[in-house]
Amino acid sequence: MTKAKTLFRVSTPCVALMLLAACGGGGSGGSNGSTPGAATYSVSVTAGNGGSISPSSAMVNAGGTTTFTITPNSGYVAGSVTGCGGTLSGNTYTTGAINADCTVTAGFSAVFVWIGGSQLPGASGVYGTLDVAAAANMPGARAYAARWADANGNVWLFGGNGINAESNAGLLNDLWEYSPSSGWWTWLGGSSVSNNTTGIYGTEGVPASTNVPGGRENATSWTDPAGNLWLFAGRGWDSTVGNSANYLNDLWEYSPSSGEWTWVSGSNTAGAKGVYGTQGTAAATNVPGARDGAVSWTDTAGHLWVFGGYGFDSTGAEGDLNDLWEYSPSTDQWTWVGGSDTIDAAGVYGTKGVSAAANMPGARTVAASWTDAQGNFWLFGGAGYDSSGTGELNDLWEYSPASGEWTWLSGSDAVNQQAIYGTQGVAAVTNMPCARISAATWTDTHGNLWLSGGLGYPAGTWGGLDDLWEYSPQTGEWTWVSGSGTLNVQGVWGTEGAAAATNTPGARNGAVSWMDAHGNLLLFGGYSYIVSNGSGISSIQINDLWEYPTQ
């Protein structure tokens, strides 16, 4: 009997182990595992552009649940996450009870991220040491500055109407370079303490370390194929001490390799009238008249193009212009290509969508411009002339340098049009930004054209705009991406460097914009809107830097 009892006690755990094995014991039979022999279901995932979901799939026992981690990319936030009866808490999505195969789908939304500068308007510049990058460096608050982007992915800023290192306001002539990779600014030239500085022109055509353009706003700028930076005209200070700020027509080239400016052509005295010569014929004596608020492009041959603005025509009369000019750096000659040699010309729209030699946008200033992937030039809005009157415009034009013809593509041939927003995020042929001036623009890596803010008429009343639009040249449709139709919206900065759905630069005009090497939109400064002490909303220059992803 004793022996039998001993054998029974030894064999009991073996039986228990055999029973456990037969029932699948020792497997992951919890809520997010599967049990052999039991019903299991597959949970798959789908992630939209701008983020990811992990794990990539899961097998779940009948009635069990599982979790997924939702990870937005930089500049994105999680949007709608749906499927499998689940709920989102933070970045964790927990499914409901799984009793059939199902899919979790996550969408992500691009948002503006505040990455530098001050939330407060009127910030002074922090210049640091000339030619030395530093984390603390920051251009002062400003609007209507000139901009460039170089082949190394860095972006550049010159002048504008703003605040220097001593908190004084005026027209600036400081030159800055910003590295998106390091997040640091470098002050490269111009004055840090003097506003309204006159230009030092030196000898025409000869670079020198002492040369520097005078302080100015609303100048026109290009980057040539060799990486040199070009600056033309604007309203500012010429070479004469004691003169008032006026319209300029001087052309400058800056070499990043040598760090020197060259006064290339035009007058060193403000107020010059245009010398048009024969239309279509280059000549050494040709030169556009002094102006500000013109738009510019660079063609595939590296030639520089200028259109319109406000300034002086061939007779010396002052007004809005619609003349189109081409400049060849290799010959140092201007060609009057099209438009009128006198001010205030009305637009010739022709048939929408049909190019024609007679088509011509009306005279205008502070319009928006882009260059597409095929080398065509685009023009939108501004303040000027439609087919029969004057006001703010929302017409969209394309110019082909190959054919020399303009095409009116969308918008109205009448001024002061309201916006048609449609559904946010949904492209439509009926969508249309309102008439506006002084908007910021970008061209993304897909060849789409972006438009942000300015001053305009979203619903029939004039004011500051915060709306962001994307235009597809392939489909011919506008998409209202973000922002609102409300005027004078104040910014919401959130936490520096952190994406949040509530972030917004707010309404602004005269901001500087670039596209960085990673396809992000960069937006700097401009006139922003604040609530003044008991006196309502007012606009003042700011120096905040924002990033928005388009990939």
Protein backbone atom coordinates (compact mmCIF):
# COMPACT_ATOMS: atom_id res chain seq x y z
CA MET A 1 0.00 0.00 0.00
CA THR A 2 2.77 2.38 0.82
CA LYS A 3 4.44 1.71 -2.49
CA ALA A 4 1.17 2.28 -4.41
CA LYS A 5 0.61 5.58 -2.66
CA THR A 6 4.11 6.65 -3.61
CA LEU A 7 3.59 5.80 -7.27
CA PHE A 8 0.26 7.67 -7.34
CA ARG A 9 1.84 10.82 -5.93
CA VAL A 10 4.65 10.72 -8.50
CA SER A 11 2.36 10.15 -11.50
CA THR A 12 -0.16 12.91 -10.64
CA PRO A 13 1.91 15.90 -11.92
CA CYS A 14 2.64 14.00 -15.15
CA VAL A 15 -1.07 13.64 -15.81
CA ALA A 16 -1.56 17.35 -15.10
CA LEU A 17 1.21 18.27 -17.54
CA MET A 18 -0.30 16.06 -20.22
CA LEU A 19 -3.72 17.68 -19.74
CA LEU A 20 -2.27 21.18 -19.97
CA ALA A 21 -0.44 20.33 -23.17
CA ALA A 22 -3.59 18.86 -24.69
CA CYS A 23 -5.52 22.11 -23.90
CA GLY A 24 -2.83 24.36 -25.34
CA GLY A 25 -1.50 25.49 -21.94
CA GLY A 26 1.76 27.44 -21.97
CA GLY A 27 0.72 29.44 -25.16
CA SER A 28 -0.20 33.19 -25.34
CA GLY A 29 -3.89 32.72 -24.64
CA GLY A 30 -4.35 36.31 -23.37
CA SER A 31 -6.38 39.08 -24.92
CA ASN A 32 -3.95 39.74 -27.77
CA GLY A 33 -2.61 36.29 -28.41
CA SER A 34 -4.04 33.21 -30.16
CA THR A 35 -4.73 29.74 -28.79
CA PRO A 36 -4.18 26.68 -31.01
CA GLY A 37 -7.48 25.00 -31.66
CA ALA A 38 -9.50 28.12 -30.70
CA ALA A 39 -11.04 30.61 -33.15
CA THR A 40 -8.60 33.40 -34.01
CA TYR A 41 -9.00 36.48 -36.17
CA SER A 42 -6.63 38.74 -38.10
CA VAL A 43 -6.37 42.47 -37.38
CA SER A 44 -4.63 44.30 -40.21
CA VAL A 45 -3.63 47.98 -40.30
CA THR A 46 -3.58 50.80 -42.83
CA ALA A 47 -1.66 54.04 -42.21
CA GLY A 48 -2.17 57.18 -44.24
CA ASN A 49 0.53 59.63 -45.29
CA GLY A 50 2.28 61.24 -42.34
CA GLY A 51 2.72 58.41 -39.85
CA SER A 52 2.77 54.72 -39.02
CA ILE A 53 1.00 52.02 -36.97
CA SER A 54 2.75 49.24 -35.08
CA PRO A 55 2.64 46.31 -35.03
CA SER A 56 1.79 45.80 -38.68
CA SER A 57 -0.84 43.13 -37.84
CA ALA A 58 -2.08 40.94 -35.01
CA MET A 59 -3.81 37.58 -34.49
CA VAL A 60 -6.40 37.71 -31.72
CA ASN A 61 -8.51 35.06 -29.95
CA ALA A 62 -12.26 35.31 -30.39
CA GLY A 63 -13.55 37.91 -27.95
CA GLY A 64 -10.07 39.24 -27.20
CA THR A 65 -8.66 42.73 -27.76
CA THR A 66 -5.32 44.10 -28.87
CA THR A 67 -3.50 47.44 -28.97
CA PHE A 68 -1.61 49.41 -31.61
CA THR A 69 0.77 52.37 -31.33
CA ILE A 70 -0.01 55.34 -33.58
CA THR A 71 3.18 57.30 -34.43
CA PRO A 72 2.90 60.58 -36.39
CA ASN A 73 5.88 61.76 -38.42
CA SER A 74 7.50 65.09 -37.61
CA GLY A 75 5.05 67.88 -38.33
CA TYR A 76 1.98 65.64 -38.20
CA VAL A 77 -0.61 64.74 -35.59
CA ALA A 78 -2.87 61.71 -35.43
CA GLY A 79 -6.20 62.44 -37.06
CA SER A 80 -9.03 59.94 -37.38
CA VAL A 81 -8.23 56.39 -36.18
CA THR A 82 -11.04 53.92 -36.81
CA GLY A 83 -11.80 50.23 -37.15
CA CYS A 84 -12.36 47.12 -35.05
CA GLY A 85 -14.58 49.01 -32.62
CA GLY A 86 -11.66 50.63 -30.89
CA THR A 87 -10.79 53.82 -29.03
CA LEU A 88 -7.74 56.09 -29.10
CA SER A 89 -6.05 57.27 -25.91
CA GLY A 90 -2.96 59.34 -26.53
CA ASN A 91 -1.07 57.39 -29.19
CA THR A 92 -2.48 53.99 -28.17
CA TYR A 93 -5.44 52.50 -30.04
CA THR A 94 -7.24 49.65 -28.25
CA THR A 95 -9.64 47.53 -30.27
CA GLY A 96 -13.01 46.32 -29.09
CA ALA A 97 -13.75 42.61 -28.73
CA ILE A 98 -12.58 40.88 -31.92
CA ASN A 99 -15.01 38.33 -33.41
CA ALA A 100 -14.14 38.72 -37.10
CA ASP A 101 -11.22 39.81 -39.26
CA CYS A 102 -11.01 43.62 -39.30
CA THR A 103 -8.74 46.56 -40.16
CA VAL A 104 -7.53 49.53 -38.12
CA THR A 105 -7.10 52.66 -40.27
CA ALA A 106 -5.15 55.70 -39.08
CA GLY A 107 -5.12 59.11 -40.74
CA PHE A 108 -2.63 61.88 -40.03
CA SER A 109 -2.88 65.64 -40.43
CA ALA A 110 -0.05 68.01 -41.29
CA VAL A 111 0.21 70.97 -38.91
CA PHE A 112 2.35 74.06 -38.54
CA VAL A 113 5.16 73.74 -36.00
CA TRP A 114 6.73 76.82 -34.40
CA ILE A 115 10.50 76.21 -34.59
CA GLY A 116 12.11 79.52 -33.66
CA GLY A 117 11.86 83.24 -33.02
CA SER A 118 9.50 84.99 -30.66
CA GLN A 119 5.76 84.77 -30.09
CA LEU A 120 5.85 88.46 -29.22
CA PRO A 121 5.69 91.09 -31.95
CA GLY A 122 8.41 93.68 -32.45
CA ALA A 123 11.33 91.48 -31.33
CA SER A 124 14.81 92.95 -31.78
CA GLY A 125 17.43 91.11 -33.80
CA VAL A 126 20.10 89.00 -32.08
CA TYR A 127 23.01 89.26 -34.50
CA GLY A 128 25.85 87.61 -32.63
CA THR A 129 29.22 87.70 -34.37
CA LEU A 130 29.43 88.42 -38.10
CA ASP A 131 29.85 85.19 -40.13
CA VAL A 132 29.45 82.96 -37.06
CA ALA A 133 26.39 80.71 -36.73
CA ALA A 134 24.91 80.40 -33.24
CA ALA A 135 21.80 78.96 -31.63
CA ALA A 136 20.95 82.34 -30.08
CA ASN A 137 21.14 84.29 -33.35
CA MET A 138 17.81 85.51 -34.74
CA PRO A 139 16.83 88.17 -37.28
CA GLY A 140 14.63 90.86 -35.83
CA ALA A 141 10.91 91.13 -36.58
CA ARG A 142 10.27 92.24 -40.16
CA ALA A 143 8.01 92.09 -43.19
CA TYR A 144 8.47 92.29 -46.96
CA ALA A 145 12.06 90.98 -46.90
CA ALA A 146 13.84 89.34 -49.85
CA ARG A 147 14.45 85.58 -49.87
CA TRP A 148 16.52 82.90 -51.59
CA ALA A 149 17.27 79.16 -51.27
CA ASP A 150 20.65 77.67 -52.19
CA ALA A 151 21.75 74.28 -53.54
CA ASN A 152 22.93 73.18 -50.07
CA GLY A 153 19.42 73.34 -48.65
CA ASN A 154 20.05 76.59 -46.74
CA VAL A 155 17.77 79.61 -47.02
CA TRP A 156 18.61 83.31 -47.09
CA LEU A 157 16.99 86.55 -45.96
CA PHE A 158 17.72 90.20 -46.76
CA GLY A 159 16.34 93.45 -45.40
CA GLY A 160 12.67 94.27 -45.16
CA ASN A 161 10.75 96.65 -42.95
CA GLY A 162 11.62 95.72 -39.39
CA ILE A 163 13.54 95.95 -36.13
CA ASN A 164 17.32 96.01 -35.70
CA ALA A 165 19.50 95.00 -32.73
CA GLU A 166 18.77 98.27 -30.92
CA SER A 167 14.98 97.92 -31.18
CA ASN A 168 14.76 100.65 -33.82
CA ALA A 169 12.29 100.25 -36.68
CA GLY A 170 12.96 101.04 -40.34
CA LEU A 171 14.22 99.60 -43.62
CA LEU A 172 16.91 96.98 -43.07
CA ASN A 173 19.87 95.85 -45.21
CA ASP A 174 21.09 92.90 -43.12
CA LEU A 175 21.84 89.56 -44.85
CA TRP A 176 21.17 86.25 -43.08
CA GLU A 177 21.59 82.54 -43.81
CA TYR A 178 19.56 79.84 -42.07
CA SER A 179 20.49 76.15 -41.91
CA PRO A 180 17.39 73.95 -41.50
CA SER A 181 19.63 71.03 -40.53
CA SER A 182 21.21 72.83 -37.55
CA GLY A 183 18.41 75.29 -36.86
CA TRP A 184 20.96 78.12 -36.59
CA TRP A 185 21.07 81.56 -38.20
CA THR A 186 24.22 83.37 -39.39
CA TRP A 187 24.42 87.14 -39.86
CA LEU A 188 26.53 87.62 -43.00
CA GLY A 189 26.47 91.33 -43.78
CA GLY A 190 24.69 94.66 -43.67
CA SER A 191 24.08 96.73 -40.58
CA SER A 192 22.87 95.39 -37.24
CA VAL A 193 22.32 98.80 -35.64
CA SER A 194 21.39 101.24 -38.40
CA ASN A 195 18.08 101.31 -40.18
CA ASN A 196 17.41 103.29 -43.35
CA THR A 197 21.04 102.77 -44.40
CA THR A 198 22.16 104.12 -47.77
CA GLY A 199 23.72 101.74 -50.27
CA ILE A 200 27.43 101.47 -50.97
CA TYR A 201 27.49 100.78 -54.71
CA GLY A 202 31.20 100.88 -55.50
CA THR A 203 32.03 100.50 -59.20
CA GLU A 204 29.35 99.06 -61.47
CA GLY A 205 30.22 95.47 -62.38
CA VAL A 206 33.03 95.14 -59.79
CA PRO A 207 32.52 93.02 -56.65
CA ALA A 208 33.92 94.38 -53.38
CA SER A 209 33.73 93.46 -49.71
CA THR A 210 32.57 97.00 -48.89
CA ASN A 211 29.64 96.96 -51.34
CA VAL A 212 26.17 96.57 -49.86
CA PRO A 213 22.66 97.42 -51.05
CA GLY A 214 20.79 100.05 -49.08
CA GLY A 215 17.94 99.21 -46.72
CA ARG A 216 14.76 98.28 -48.59
CA GLU A 217 11.47 96.41 -48.62
CA ASN A 218 9.45 94.63 -51.31
CA ALA A 219 12.51 93.89 -53.45
CA THR A 220 12.56 91.12 -56.05
CA SER A 221 14.99 88.19 -55.77
CA TRP A 222 16.29 85.12 -57.65
CA THR A 223 18.86 82.34 -57.28
CA ASP A 224 20.79 81.58 -60.48
CA PRO A 225 22.02 78.09 -61.56
CA ALA A 226 25.51 78.88 -60.22
CA GLY A 227 24.09 79.54 -56.75
CA ASN A 228 24.49 83.32 -56.81
CA LEU A 229 21.80 85.46 -55.22
CA TRP A 230 20.22 88.33 -57.15
CA LEU A 231 18.37 91.35 -55.78
CA PHE A 232 16.39 93.88 -57.81
CA ALA A 233 14.65 97.14 -56.95
CA GLY A 234 12.25 97.64 -54.03
CA ARG A 235 11.40 100.71 -52.00
CA GLY A 236 14.41 101.92 -50.08
CA TRP A 237 17.56 103.94 -49.86
CA ASP A 238 19.89 104.72 -52.74
CA SER A 239 23.50 105.96 -52.58
CA THR A 240 22.71 109.53 -51.54
CA VAL A 241 22.81 110.35 -47.84
CA GLY A 242 19.82 112.45 -46.82
CA ASN A 243 17.48 111.23 -49.57
CA SER A 244 14.11 109.82 -48.60
CA ALA A 245 13.20 106.20 -49.28
CA ASN A 246 11.90 105.82 -52.81
CA TYR A 247 11.51 103.27 -55.57
CA LEU A 248 14.74 101.69 -56.85
CA ASN A 249 15.80 99.87 -60.03
CA ASP A 250 19.29 98.75 -59.04
CA LEU A 251 20.29 95.13 -59.78
CA TRP A 252 22.71 93.37 -57.41
CA GLU A 253 24.45 89.98 -57.36
CA TYR A 254 25.76 88.31 -54.21
CA SER A 255 28.31 85.50 -54.32
CA PRO A 256 28.02 83.15 -51.31
CA SER A 257 31.51 81.79 -52.09
CA SER A 258 33.24 85.18 -51.91
CA GLY A 259 30.79 86.94 -49.62
CA GLU A 260 30.78 90.00 -51.89
CA TRP A 261 28.06 92.09 -53.50
CA THR A 262 28.27 93.46 -57.05
CA TRP A 263 26.19 96.36 -58.31
CA VAL A 264 25.36 94.96 -61.75
CA SER A 265 23.07 97.50 -63.42
CA GLY A 266 20.34 100.08 -62.93
CA SER A 267 20.70 103.40 -61.21
CA ASN A 268 22.27 104.23 -57.86
CA THR A 269 19.69 107.01 -57.58
CA ALA A 270 16.03 106.32 -56.78
CA GLY A 271 13.10 107.18 -59.02
CA ALA A 272 14.55 106.14 -62.41
CA LYS A 273 12.11 105.73 -65.29
CA GLY A 274 12.21 102.65 -67.52
CA VAL A 275 14.15 102.45 -70.77
CA TYR A 276 12.22 99.87 -72.80
CA GLY A 277 13.90 99.91 -76.19
CA THR A 278 12.34 97.66 -78.83
CA GLN A 279 10.03 94.92 -77.57
CA GLY A 280 11.72 91.54 -77.90
CA THR A 281 15.20 92.99 -78.50
CA ALA A 282 17.94 92.93 -75.86
CA ALA A 283 20.09 96.04 -75.52
CA ALA A 284 22.73 97.36 -73.15
CA THR A 285 20.69 100.53 -72.60
CA ASN A 286 17.45 98.75 -71.67
CA VAL A 287 16.47 98.78 -68.01
CA PRO A 288 13.18 98.40 -66.11
CA GLY A 289 12.01 101.47 -64.24
CA ALA A 290 12.23 101.79 -60.46
CA ARG A 291 9.54 99.79 -58.64
CA ASP A 292 8.59 97.67 -55.68
CA GLY A 293 6.23 94.72 -55.28
CA ALA A 294 7.23 93.07 -58.58
CA VAL A 295 7.26 89.28 -58.96
CA SER A 296 10.09 87.19 -60.37
CA TRP A 297 11.02 83.85 -61.86
CA THR A 298 14.13 82.04 -63.12
CA ASP A 299 13.90 80.04 -66.35
CA THR A 300 15.70 76.82 -67.32
CA ALA A 301 18.43 78.81 -69.10
CA GLY A 302 19.23 80.72 -65.90
CA HIS A 303 17.70 83.98 -67.14
CA LEU A 304 15.96 86.23 -64.64
CA TRP A 305 12.41 87.47 -65.23
CA VAL A 306 10.49 90.37 -63.65
CA PHE A 307 6.81 91.28 -63.95
CA GLY A 308 4.87 94.33 -62.82
CA GLY A 309 4.99 96.04 -59.46
CA TYR A 310 4.37 99.66 -58.56
CA GLY A 311 6.75 102.24 -59.95
CA PHE A 312 7.80 104.30 -62.96
CA ASP A 313 7.09 103.62 -66.62
CA SER A 314 8.83 104.84 -69.78
CA THR A 315 7.49 108.38 -69.35
CA GLY A 316 8.34 108.65 -65.66
CA ALA A 317 4.68 108.33 -64.66
CA GLU A 318 4.07 106.48 -61.36
CA GLY A 319 1.54 103.66 -61.01
CA ASP A 320 0.90 99.93 -61.38
CA LEU A 321 2.89 98.12 -64.05
CA ASN A 322 2.36 95.00 -66.18
CA ASP A 323 5.62 94.98 -68.13
CA LEU A 324 7.46 91.64 -68.46
CA TRP A 325 11.28 91.71 -68.57
CA GLU A 326 13.99 89.10 -69.11
CA TYR A 327 17.59 89.54 -67.94
CA SER A 328 20.53 87.49 -69.25
CA PRO A 329 23.41 87.32 -66.73
CA SER A 330 25.80 86.16 -69.49
CA THR A 331 25.21 89.26 -71.67
CA ASP A 332 24.23 91.65 -68.86
CA GLN A 333 21.29 92.86 -70.96
CA TRP A 334 17.57 93.35 -70.32
CA THR A 335 14.83 92.57 -72.84
CA TRP A 336 11.35 94.06 -72.64
CA VAL A 337 9.33 90.93 -73.48
CA GLY A 338 5.70 92.02 -73.14
CA GLY A 339 3.09 94.13 -71.43
CA SER A 340 2.79 97.89 -71.59
CA ASP A 341 5.50 100.51 -71.25
CA THR A 342 2.97 102.77 -69.52
CA ILE A 343 1.23 102.46 -66.17
CA ASP A 344 -2.20 101.13 -65.20
CA ALA A 345 -2.83 98.81 -68.16
CA ALA A 346 -6.02 96.72 -68.06
CA GLY A 347 -5.85 92.93 -68.35
CA VAL A 348 -6.58 91.08 -71.59
CA TYR A 349 -8.01 87.75 -70.38
CA GLY A 350 -9.06 86.04 -73.57
CA THR A 351 -10.77 82.66 -73.12
CA LYS A 352 -10.21 80.86 -69.83
CA GLY A 353 -7.83 77.92 -70.32
CA VAL A 354 -6.71 79.02 -73.80
CA SER A 355 -3.30 80.59 -74.38
CA ALA A 356 -3.03 83.44 -76.86
CA ALA A 357 -0.44 85.96 -77.96
CA ALA A 358 -2.83 88.81 -77.09
CA ASN A 359 -3.46 87.65 -73.51
CA MET A 360 -1.86 89.78 -70.79
CA PRO A 361 -2.43 90.13 -67.04
CA GLY A 362 -3.35 93.64 -65.99
CA ALA A 363 -0.98 95.96 -64.15
CA ARG A 364 -0.55 94.91 -60.50
CA THR A 365 1.67 94.92 -57.45
CA VAL A 366 2.41 92.56 -54.51
CA ALA A 367 1.04 89.55 -56.41
CA ALA A 368 2.01 85.91 -55.80
CA SER A 369 4.25 83.89 -58.11
CA TRP A 370 5.65 80.38 -58.61
CA THR A 371 7.69 78.34 -61.10
CA ASP A 372 6.49 74.81 -61.88
CA ALA A 373 8.49 71.66 -62.63
CA GLN A 374 8.22 72.27 -66.40
CA GLY A 375 9.72 75.76 -66.12
CA ASN A 376 6.45 77.64 -66.66
CA PHE A 377 5.71 80.80 -64.67
CA TRP A 378 2.58 81.31 -62.55
CA LEU A 379 0.95 84.50 -61.28
CA PHE A 380 -1.91 85.03 -58.84
CA GLY A 381 -3.79 88.05 -57.57
CA GLY A 382 -2.26 91.26 -56.29
CA ALA A 383 -3.58 94.81 -56.29
CA GLY A 384 -4.21 96.24 -59.73
CA TYR A 385 -6.31 96.13 -62.86
CA ASP A 386 -8.76 93.56 -64.15
CA SER A 387 -10.34 93.80 -67.59
CA SER A 388 -12.25 96.98 -66.75
CA GLY A 389 -11.48 98.31 -63.27
CA THR A 390 -9.08 98.36 -60.36
CA GLY A 391 -8.93 96.63 -56.96
CA GLU A 392 -7.66 93.35 -55.53
CA LEU A 393 -7.42 90.34 -57.83
CA ASN A 394 -7.77 86.55 -57.59
CA ASP A 395 -6.97 85.60 -61.19
CA LEU A 396 -4.50 82.77 -61.83
CA TRP A 397 -2.22 82.93 -64.89
CA GLU A 398 0.40 80.68 -66.47
CA TYR A 399 3.16 81.97 -68.75
CA SER A 400 5.14 79.72 -71.08
CA PRO A 401 8.64 81.07 -71.80
CA ALA A 402 8.80 78.65 -74.75
CA SER A 403 5.72 80.02 -76.52
CA GLY A 404 5.75 83.51 -75.03
CA GLU A 405 2.02 83.28 -74.30
CA TRP A 406 -0.11 83.81 -71.20
CA THR A 407 -3.08 81.63 -70.21
CA TRP A 408 -5.80 82.75 -67.80
CA LEU A 409 -6.56 79.53 -65.89
CA SER A 410 -8.90 80.32 -63.01
CA GLY A 411 -10.28 83.01 -60.78
CA SER A 412 -12.24 86.03 -61.93
CA ASP A 413 -11.60 88.77 -64.47
CA ALA A 414 -13.28 91.15 -62.00
CA VAL A 415 -11.76 92.55 -58.80
CA ASN A 416 -12.54 92.03 -55.10
CA GLN A 417 -13.85 88.45 -55.31
CA GLN A 418 -14.73 86.42 -52.20
CA ALA A 419 -13.33 82.95 -51.48
CA ILE A 420 -15.03 79.68 -52.36
CA TYR A 421 -13.54 77.32 -49.75
CA GLY A 422 -15.47 74.14 -50.45
CA THR A 423 -14.71 71.25 -48.07
CA GLN A 424 -11.42 71.45 -46.19
CA GLY A 425 -8.91 68.98 -47.62
CA VAL A 426 -10.99 68.23 -50.72
CA ALA A 427 -9.93 69.55 -54.15
CA ALA A 428 -12.67 70.90 -56.43
CA VAL A 429 -12.86 72.87 -59.66
CA THR A 430 -15.16 75.38 -57.95
CA ASN A 431 -12.76 76.12 -55.06
CA MET A 432 -11.03 79.50 -55.26
CA PRO A 433 -8.98 81.69 -52.91
CA CYS A 434 -10.29 85.21 -52.43
CA ALA A 435 -8.74 88.31 -53.98
CA ARG A 436 -5.61 89.16 -52.01
CA ILE A 437 -2.20 90.81 -51.84
CA SER A 438 1.09 90.06 -50.06
CA ALA A 439 0.60 86.30 -49.67
CA ALA A 440 3.40 83.80 -49.08
CA THR A 441 4.11 81.13 -51.73
CA TRP A 442 5.94 77.83 -52.22
CA THR A 443 6.32 75.17 -54.91
CA ASP A 444 6.57 71.66 -53.43
CA THR A 445 8.56 68.67 -54.65
CA HIS A 446 5.50 67.35 -56.53
CA GLY A 447 5.14 70.60 -58.49
CA ASN A 448 2.07 71.79 -56.59
CA LEU A 449 1.69 75.49 -55.81
CA TRP A 450 1.00 76.71 -52.25
CA LEU A 451 -0.51 80.01 -51.13
CA SER A 452 -0.73 81.29 -47.55
CA GLY A 453 -2.29 84.34 -45.95
CA GLY A 454 -1.96 87.93 -47.10
CA LEU A 455 -4.60 90.64 -47.04
CA GLY A 456 -7.89 90.10 -48.80
CA TYR A 457 -11.66 89.60 -49.00
CA PRO A 458 -12.59 86.09 -47.78
CA ALA A 459 -16.24 87.04 -47.26
CA GLY A 460 -16.53 90.55 -48.63
CA THR A 461 -14.65 92.40 -45.85
CA TRP A 462 -10.98 93.38 -46.07
CA GLY A 463 -8.45 92.09 -43.52
CA GLY A 464 -5.64 89.71 -42.61
CA LEU A 465 -5.86 86.12 -43.85
CA ASP A 466 -4.68 82.85 -42.29
CA ASP A 467 -5.87 80.36 -44.92
CA LEU A 468 -3.52 77.85 -46.60
CA TRP A 469 -4.23 76.66 -50.16
CA GLU A 470 -2.70 74.11 -52.54
CA TYR A 471 -3.11 74.22 -56.33
CA SER A 472 -2.45 71.23 -58.59
CA PRO A 473 -1.35 72.23 -62.10
CA GLN A 474 -2.17 68.68 -63.25
CA THR A 475 -5.83 68.78 -62.21
CA GLY A 476 -6.38 72.53 -62.29
CA GLU A 477 -8.00 72.39 -58.84
CA TRP A 478 -7.50 74.34 -55.61
CA THR A 479 -7.66 72.68 -52.18
CA TRP A 480 -8.35 74.63 -49.01
CA VAL A 481 -5.84 72.93 -46.69
CA SER A 482 -6.10 74.76 -43.36
CA GLY A 483 -6.84 78.06 -41.69
CA SER A 484 -10.18 79.81 -41.84
CA GLY A 485 -12.23 82.44 -43.59
CA THR A 486 -12.13 84.59 -40.44
CA LEU A 487 -10.21 87.86 -40.57
CA ASN A 488 -7.26 88.86 -38.39
CA VAL A 489 -6.88 85.49 -36.61
CA GLN A 490 -4.21 85.57 -33.90
CA GLY A 491 -1.46 82.95 -33.79
CA VAL A 492 -1.37 79.92 -31.50
CA TRP A 493 2.27 78.89 -31.08
CA GLY A 494 1.96 75.95 -28.70
CA THR A 495 5.27 74.46 -27.55
CA GLU A 496 8.35 75.26 -29.61
CA GLY A 497 9.25 72.27 -31.79
CA ALA A 498 6.06 70.32 -30.99
CA ALA A 499 3.29 69.50 -33.45
CA ALA A 500 -0.24 70.19 -32.24
CA ALA A 501 -3.58 70.37 -33.99
CA THR A 502 -4.25 73.78 -32.44
CA ASN A 503 -1.05 75.40 -33.75
CA THR A 504 -1.49 78.23 -36.25
CA PRO A 505 0.70 81.12 -37.41
CA GLY A 506 -2.48 83.19 -37.56
CA ALA A 507 -3.24 85.84 -40.14
CA ARG A 508 -0.22 87.63 -41.57
CA ASN A 509 0.98 89.48 -44.62
CA GLY A 510 4.41 90.25 -46.02
CA ALA A 511 5.87 87.05 -44.57
CA VAL A 512 8.95 85.36 -46.08
CA SER A 513 8.60 81.79 -47.34
CA TRP A 514 10.87 79.01 -48.55
CA MET A 515 10.78 75.29 -49.37
CA ASP A 516 13.59 73.38 -47.62
CA ALA A 517 15.47 70.35 -48.97
CA HIS A 518 13.12 67.94 -47.16
CA GLY A 519 9.96 69.33 -48.72
CA ASN A 520 8.91 71.38 -45.70
CA LEU A 521 7.38 74.80 -46.06
CA LEU A 522 9.15 77.46 -43.98
CA LEU A 523 7.33 80.65 -43.03
CA PHE A 524 9.05 83.60 -41.33
CA GLY A 525 7.80 86.87 -39.89
CA GLY A 526 5.55 89.35 -41.63
CA TYR A 527 2.84 91.52 -40.11
CA SER A 528 0.98 89.50 -37.49
CA TYR A 529 -2.18 90.37 -35.59
CA ILE A 530 -2.40 91.09 -31.87
CA VAL A 531 -4.94 92.54 -29.47
CA SER A 532 -3.69 95.96 -28.43
CA ASN A 533 -4.46 97.34 -24.99
CA GLY A 534 -8.12 98.22 -25.24
CA SER A 535 -7.81 99.43 -28.84
CA GLY A 536 -8.78 96.31 -30.76
CA ILE A 537 -6.66 94.27 -33.13
CA SER A 538 -3.59 95.75 -34.78
CA SER A 539 -0.82 94.35 -36.97
CA ILE A 540 2.89 94.55 -36.21
CA GLN A 541 6.04 92.82 -37.46
CA ILE A 542 7.05 89.50 -35.92
CA ASN A 543 10.09 87.18 -36.25
CA ASP A 544 8.68 83.73 -35.59
CA LEU A 545 9.73 80.80 -37.81
CA TRP A 546 7.30 78.00 -38.72
CA GLU A 547 7.59 74.66 -40.50
CA TYR A 548 4.86 72.77 -42.36
CA PRO A 549 5.39 69.34 -44.04
CA THR A 550 4.15 68.60 -47.56
CA GLN A 551 5.54 65.08 -48.04
